[in-house]
Amino acid sequence: MTMRQDHISDYIQAALKDFDNPQLATDLWHIFREQHFDGFLANFVVSHLCEKYQMTKNELGLALLPVAACYANPTISHFNVGAVVEGDSGHFYFGANQEFCGTAIAQTIHAEQSAISHAWVRGEQRLTNIFINYSPCGHCRQFMNELNTADKLQIHLPKEPSCTLHDYLPNAFGPKDLNISHLLLDPENNGLTYHCTSPVIQAAVDAANQSHAPYSKTYCGVALELNNHKIFQGRYAENAAFNPSLPAMQVALNAIIMQGHEVENIVRAVMVETPVALSYKQSAQAVLSYLGDVELEYIAL
């Protein structure tokens, strides 16, 4: 088995049947169906639901976790993890663990990484809260420590008191220890240029320009085009501890999944990279091979 076998709508419909409040479940079903199962709730929708059902944003975020977990692709672990992040904008962005059989286990995407990178590629620049259905592992705590709001980020779990990230990661090692002041989700412009007429290549160049790689300077961006001509971008998100870094290919694949589309519909893949100290070309090709026969178009700057 590769990716999930049923459409995301089937999983969401099943999850909503278990909601304690059937009217809230009905409203959520209509919302997700109207937005073609995009794993995102705009701030005005969040506010409307909170007002209608007399819930706080934190209560709504926790209630949404079974829906977020529907986006998981746990083909190795068979364990669904869901996450929802709230941005300064008030928008909610969903995330879930993504696993790819036949590749290295390091290619997986954790739910927290999924939600954070989903918010990032959609333009969110600061995160205030993250809701997770299971306690974050050390890998994810370190990944979140790269954020520009790491010192204020609130973590919420079902039936647990809310805590800050630094409650979960005391005495943390992070960007400040390496004299890095430009943090993940801060606006990036890496000054890369490449003359082309292809919108897919240009999207990959733009993604590389917005990638976060302050340690290796290996800027990397990916653009994936679907058979409906939609283009999804992925940016490399580097981490002070190196291993929790999230490759651009994973960010792009995650964006497709979290916005309700199918990765099997990819028809073109472009990677733009400045391979100064690292290269993600081979790992990106490995994930693409798992998904199908699409060749990776690679441009080194």
Protein backbone atom coordinates (compact mmCIF):
# COMPACT_ATOMS: atom_id res chain seq x y z
CA MET A 1 0.00 0.00 0.00
CA THR A 2 1.25 3.49 -0.81
CA MET A 3 -0.98 6.46 0.02
CA ARG A 4 -4.37 6.19 1.75
CA GLN A 5 -6.89 4.28 -0.29
CA ASP A 6 -10.08 6.28 0.29
CA HIS A 7 -10.80 9.93 -0.39
CA ILE A 8 -10.20 12.34 2.50
CA SER A 9 -13.94 13.05 2.60
CA ASP A 10 -14.63 9.46 3.72
CA TYR A 11 -12.26 9.76 6.66
CA ILE A 12 -13.63 13.14 7.73
CA GLN A 13 -17.22 11.96 7.52
CA ALA A 14 -16.38 8.97 9.72
CA ALA A 15 -14.57 11.16 12.29
CA LEU A 16 -17.45 13.63 12.52
CA LYS A 17 -19.89 10.83 13.36
CA ASP A 18 -18.08 10.47 16.71
CA PHE A 19 -18.44 14.14 17.67
CA ASP A 20 -20.27 14.79 20.95
CA ASN A 21 -22.08 17.73 19.33
CA PRO A 22 -23.84 16.51 16.18
CA GLN A 23 -24.79 20.04 15.07
CA LEU A 24 -21.15 21.15 15.19
CA ALA A 25 -20.26 18.03 13.21
CA THR A 26 -22.88 18.92 10.59
CA ASP A 27 -21.62 22.49 10.30
CA LEU A 28 -18.02 21.30 9.92
CA TRP A 29 -19.04 18.79 7.26
CA HIS A 30 -20.69 21.52 5.20
CA ILE A 31 -17.68 23.83 5.62
CA PHE A 32 -15.12 21.22 4.57
CA ARG A 33 -17.23 19.97 1.68
CA GLU A 34 -17.72 23.52 0.35
CA GLN A 35 -13.96 24.18 0.46
CA HIS A 36 -13.17 20.82 -1.18
CA PHE A 37 -11.70 19.40 2.05
CA ASP A 38 -8.96 22.00 2.38
CA GLY A 39 -7.48 21.48 5.87
CA PHE A 40 -7.84 25.12 6.84
CA LEU A 41 -10.35 27.30 8.69
CA ALA A 42 -10.27 31.06 8.12
CA ASN A 43 -10.37 33.33 11.17
CA PHE A 44 -13.97 34.43 10.52
CA VAL A 45 -15.08 30.77 10.40
CA VAL A 46 -13.24 30.03 13.64
CA SER A 47 -14.84 33.05 15.32
CA HIS A 48 -18.30 32.14 14.01
CA LEU A 49 -18.08 28.56 15.29
CA CYS A 50 -16.78 29.68 18.68
CA GLU A 51 -19.60 32.19 19.05
CA LYS A 52 -22.32 29.81 17.83
CA TYR A 53 -21.28 26.95 20.09
CA GLN A 54 -20.01 29.02 23.05
CA MET A 55 -16.50 27.62 22.74
CA THR A 56 -13.11 29.18 23.20
CA LYS A 57 -10.60 28.95 20.35
CA ASN A 58 -8.61 26.50 22.42
CA GLU A 59 -11.65 24.27 22.88
CA LEU A 60 -12.37 24.37 19.16
CA GLY A 61 -8.75 23.61 18.29
CA LEU A 62 -8.80 20.51 20.49
CA ALA A 63 -12.18 19.42 19.12
CA LEU A 64 -10.81 19.58 15.58
CA LEU A 65 -7.93 17.16 16.21
CA PRO A 66 -9.83 14.02 15.07
CA VAL A 67 -10.53 15.81 11.78
CA ALA A 68 -6.89 16.86 11.38
CA ALA A 69 -5.81 13.25 12.01
CA CYS A 70 -7.91 12.19 9.00
CA TYR A 71 -5.25 13.72 6.73
CA ALA A 72 -2.60 11.32 8.04
CA ASN A 73 -0.91 8.79 5.78
CA PRO A 74 0.43 6.33 8.41
CA THR A 75 1.42 3.53 6.05
CA ILE A 76 4.35 2.50 8.25
CA SER A 77 3.21 3.20 11.83
CA HIS A 78 -0.56 2.77 11.31
CA PHE A 79 -0.87 5.49 13.95
CA ASN A 80 -2.72 8.71 13.09
CA VAL A 81 -1.48 11.95 14.63
CA GLY A 82 -3.29 15.23 14.04
CA ALA A 83 -2.25 18.81 14.73
CA VAL A 84 -3.79 22.25 14.30
CA VAL A 85 -1.81 25.49 14.50
CA GLU A 86 -3.25 28.94 15.01
CA GLY A 87 -1.53 31.90 13.42
CA ASP A 88 -1.45 35.53 14.47
CA SER A 89 -4.09 35.98 11.77
CA GLY A 90 -6.49 33.75 13.72
CA HIS A 91 -6.55 31.18 10.91
CA PHE A 92 -6.37 27.46 11.77
CA TYR A 93 -4.07 25.24 9.69
CA PHE A 94 -4.29 21.45 9.90
CA GLY A 95 -1.43 18.96 9.90
CA ALA A 96 -0.99 15.19 10.13
CA ASN A 97 1.81 12.63 9.97
CA GLN A 98 2.86 11.58 6.46
CA GLU A 99 4.81 8.37 5.88
CA PHE A 100 6.28 6.99 2.64
CA CYS A 101 6.89 3.26 2.30
CA GLY A 102 9.97 2.11 0.44
CA THR A 103 12.04 5.16 1.39
CA ALA A 104 14.22 5.97 4.40
CA ILE A 105 12.24 6.47 7.60
CA ALA A 106 13.78 9.94 7.89
CA GLN A 107 11.58 10.97 4.95
CA THR A 108 8.50 11.00 7.19
CA ILE A 109 6.72 14.21 8.19
CA HIS A 110 5.55 14.57 11.78
CA ALA A 111 2.12 16.10 12.43
CA GLU A 112 3.57 19.22 14.05
CA GLN A 113 5.92 19.75 11.10
CA SER A 114 2.99 19.20 8.77
CA ALA A 115 0.80 21.87 10.39
CA ILE A 116 3.63 24.39 10.76
CA SER A 117 4.88 24.03 7.18
CA HIS A 118 1.27 24.17 5.94
CA ALA A 119 0.85 27.53 7.68
CA TRP A 120 4.24 28.72 6.38
CA VAL A 121 3.58 28.05 2.69
CA ARG A 122 0.23 29.79 2.99
CA GLY A 123 1.90 32.98 4.18
CA GLU A 124 1.50 32.85 7.96
CA GLN A 125 4.42 34.59 9.68
CA ARG A 126 3.76 33.98 13.37
CA LEU A 127 2.16 31.09 15.26
CA THR A 128 0.56 31.45 18.68
CA ASN A 129 -0.91 28.04 19.51
CA ILE A 130 -0.55 24.42 18.47
CA PHE A 131 -3.05 21.69 19.29
CA ILE A 132 -1.88 18.06 19.13
CA ASN A 133 -3.67 14.82 19.97
CA TYR A 134 -0.50 13.25 21.44
CA SER A 135 2.46 14.69 23.31
CA PRO A 136 5.11 16.04 20.90
CA CYS A 137 8.20 13.90 20.51
CA GLY A 138 11.70 15.33 21.00
CA HIS A 139 12.15 15.68 17.23
CA CYS A 140 9.11 17.97 17.00
CA ARG A 141 10.00 19.96 20.11
CA GLN A 142 13.35 20.74 18.51
CA PHE A 143 11.68 21.57 15.18
CA MET A 144 9.32 24.03 16.89
CA ASN A 145 12.25 25.62 18.69
CA GLU A 146 13.34 27.09 15.34
CA LEU A 147 10.15 29.21 15.13
CA ASN A 148 10.21 32.96 15.55
CA THR A 149 7.58 32.54 18.32
CA ALA A 150 9.25 29.59 20.06
CA ASP A 151 9.54 31.52 23.34
CA LYS A 152 5.77 32.18 23.42
CA LEU A 153 4.24 29.20 21.62
CA GLN A 154 1.49 27.50 23.61
CA ILE A 155 1.04 23.72 23.28
CA HIS A 156 -2.39 22.19 23.96
CA LEU A 157 -3.17 18.49 24.41
CA PRO A 158 -6.52 16.82 25.18
CA LYS A 159 -7.14 16.48 28.92
CA GLU A 160 -3.80 18.11 29.77
CA PRO A 161 -2.99 21.62 31.01
CA SER A 162 -1.66 23.99 28.38
CA CYS A 163 2.08 24.57 28.49
CA THR A 164 4.70 26.59 26.64
CA LEU A 165 7.13 24.96 24.25
CA HIS A 166 9.95 25.67 26.70
CA ASP A 167 8.06 23.74 29.39
CA TYR A 168 8.43 20.76 27.04
CA LEU A 169 11.98 21.69 26.01
CA PRO A 170 13.88 23.21 28.95
CA ASN A 171 17.49 24.33 28.51
CA ALA A 172 16.99 24.12 24.77
CA PHE A 173 19.73 24.35 22.15
CA GLY A 174 18.62 26.49 19.23
CA PRO A 175 19.36 29.25 16.73
CA LYS A 176 20.45 31.77 19.35
CA ASP A 177 23.25 29.44 20.44
CA LEU A 178 24.59 29.69 16.87
CA ASN A 179 24.10 33.46 16.65
CA ILE A 180 21.18 33.11 14.24
CA SER A 181 18.60 35.86 14.60
CA HIS A 182 16.54 35.22 11.44
CA LEU A 183 14.13 32.47 12.46
CA LEU A 184 11.66 30.10 10.85
CA LEU A 185 8.56 31.94 9.53
CA ASP A 186 10.41 35.25 9.38
CA PRO A 187 10.17 36.68 5.83
CA GLU A 188 13.00 35.34 3.66
CA ASN A 189 14.61 36.55 0.43
CA ASN A 190 17.74 34.63 -0.42
CA GLY A 191 18.50 36.70 -3.54
CA LEU A 192 18.31 33.86 -6.06
CA THR A 193 17.55 34.60 -9.72
CA TYR A 194 16.87 32.36 -12.69
CA HIS A 195 15.42 33.52 -16.00
CA CYS A 196 12.65 31.27 -17.30
CA THR A 197 9.19 31.37 -18.82
CA SER A 198 7.83 28.27 -17.06
CA PRO A 199 5.50 29.07 -14.13
CA VAL A 200 6.46 25.76 -12.51
CA ILE A 201 10.18 26.54 -12.58
CA GLN A 202 9.51 30.08 -11.39
CA ALA A 203 7.47 28.72 -8.48
CA ALA A 204 10.43 26.51 -7.49
CA VAL A 205 12.81 29.50 -7.69
CA ASP A 206 10.44 31.55 -5.53
CA ALA A 207 10.24 28.74 -3.00
CA ALA A 208 14.04 28.46 -2.83
CA ASN A 209 14.21 32.20 -2.26
CA GLN A 210 11.89 31.81 0.72
CA SER A 211 13.59 28.73 2.18
CA HIS A 212 15.10 28.83 5.66
CA ALA A 213 18.69 27.54 5.60
CA PRO A 214 20.81 29.78 7.84
CA TYR A 215 23.25 27.00 8.79
CA SER A 216 24.22 25.33 5.51
CA LYS A 217 23.14 28.09 3.07
CA THR A 218 21.71 25.27 0.93
CA TYR A 219 18.61 27.06 -0.29
CA CYS A 220 16.11 24.71 -1.82
CA GLY A 221 12.64 24.99 -3.31
CA VAL A 222 10.28 22.53 -4.98
CA ALA A 223 7.26 23.09 -7.21
CA LEU A 224 4.80 20.29 -7.99
CA GLU A 225 2.19 20.62 -10.71
CA LEU A 226 -0.99 18.53 -10.66
CA ASN A 227 -3.01 17.32 -13.63
CA ASN A 228 -5.48 20.17 -12.97
CA HIS A 229 -2.56 22.63 -13.47
CA LYS A 230 -2.47 23.70 -9.81
CA ILE A 231 1.09 24.34 -8.58
CA PHE A 232 2.19 23.68 -5.00
CA GLN A 233 5.44 24.98 -3.51
CA GLY A 234 7.74 23.57 -0.87
CA ARG A 235 10.56 25.38 0.93
CA TYR A 236 13.42 23.85 2.87
CA ALA A 237 13.13 24.42 6.64
CA GLU A 238 16.52 23.91 8.29
CA ASN A 239 17.02 23.34 12.00
CA ALA A 240 19.82 24.18 14.43
CA ALA A 241 19.98 20.49 15.42
CA PHE A 242 20.16 19.49 11.71
CA ASN A 243 18.19 16.20 11.86
CA PRO A 244 14.74 17.77 12.45
CA SER A 245 15.17 19.82 9.26
CA LEU A 246 12.27 19.42 6.81
CA PRO A 247 13.13 19.05 3.10
CA ALA A 248 11.39 21.15 0.46
CA MET A 249 9.91 18.09 -1.28
CA GLN A 250 8.14 17.03 1.91
CA VAL A 251 6.79 20.55 2.42
CA ALA A 252 5.36 20.57 -1.11
CA LEU A 253 3.82 17.08 -0.80
CA ASN A 254 2.35 18.03 2.55
CA ALA A 255 0.77 21.16 1.06
CA ILE A 256 -0.95 19.04 -1.59
CA ILE A 257 -2.33 16.60 0.97
CA MET A 258 -3.41 19.19 3.53
CA GLN A 259 -5.25 21.22 0.91
CA GLY A 260 -7.39 18.25 -0.07
CA HIS A 261 -5.61 17.11 -3.23
CA GLU A 262 -4.03 13.80 -4.25
CA VAL A 263 -0.27 13.35 -4.67
CA GLU A 264 -0.97 10.65 -7.27
CA ASN A 265 -2.06 13.49 -9.58
CA ILE A 266 1.44 15.06 -9.77
CA VAL A 267 2.50 15.43 -13.41
CA ARG A 268 5.61 17.62 -13.05
CA ALA A 269 8.19 18.16 -10.33
CA VAL A 270 10.92 20.82 -10.29
CA MET A 271 13.63 21.35 -7.67
CA VAL A 272 15.83 24.44 -7.51
CA GLU A 273 18.79 24.24 -5.14
CA THR A 274 22.05 25.90 -4.21
CA PRO A 275 24.03 22.75 -3.23
CA VAL A 276 26.67 24.58 -1.18
CA ALA A 277 27.14 22.02 1.59
CA LEU A 278 24.21 19.65 1.12
CA SER A 279 21.94 18.34 -1.61
CA TYR A 280 18.41 17.00 -1.33
CA LYS A 281 18.25 15.84 -4.94
CA GLN A 282 18.56 12.11 -4.26
CA SER A 283 16.15 12.06 -1.33
CA ALA A 284 13.59 14.01 -3.37
CA GLN A 285 13.93 11.52 -6.23
CA ALA A 286 13.39 8.65 -3.80
CA VAL A 287 10.10 10.06 -2.57
CA LEU A 288 8.93 10.76 -6.12
CA SER A 289 9.75 7.18 -7.10
CA TYR A 290 7.54 5.97 -4.27
CA LEU A 291 4.67 8.07 -5.60
CA GLY A 292 4.92 7.14 -9.28
CA ASP A 293 6.85 7.69 -12.49
CA VAL A 294 7.28 11.48 -12.41
CA GLU A 295 10.87 12.53 -13.09
CA LEU A 296 12.49 15.25 -11.01
CA GLU A 297 13.66 18.27 -13.01
CA TYR A 298 16.68 19.59 -11.12
CA ILE A 299 18.25 23.04 -11.40
CA ALA A 300 21.39 23.89 -9.43
CA LEU A 301 22.09 27.59 -8.94
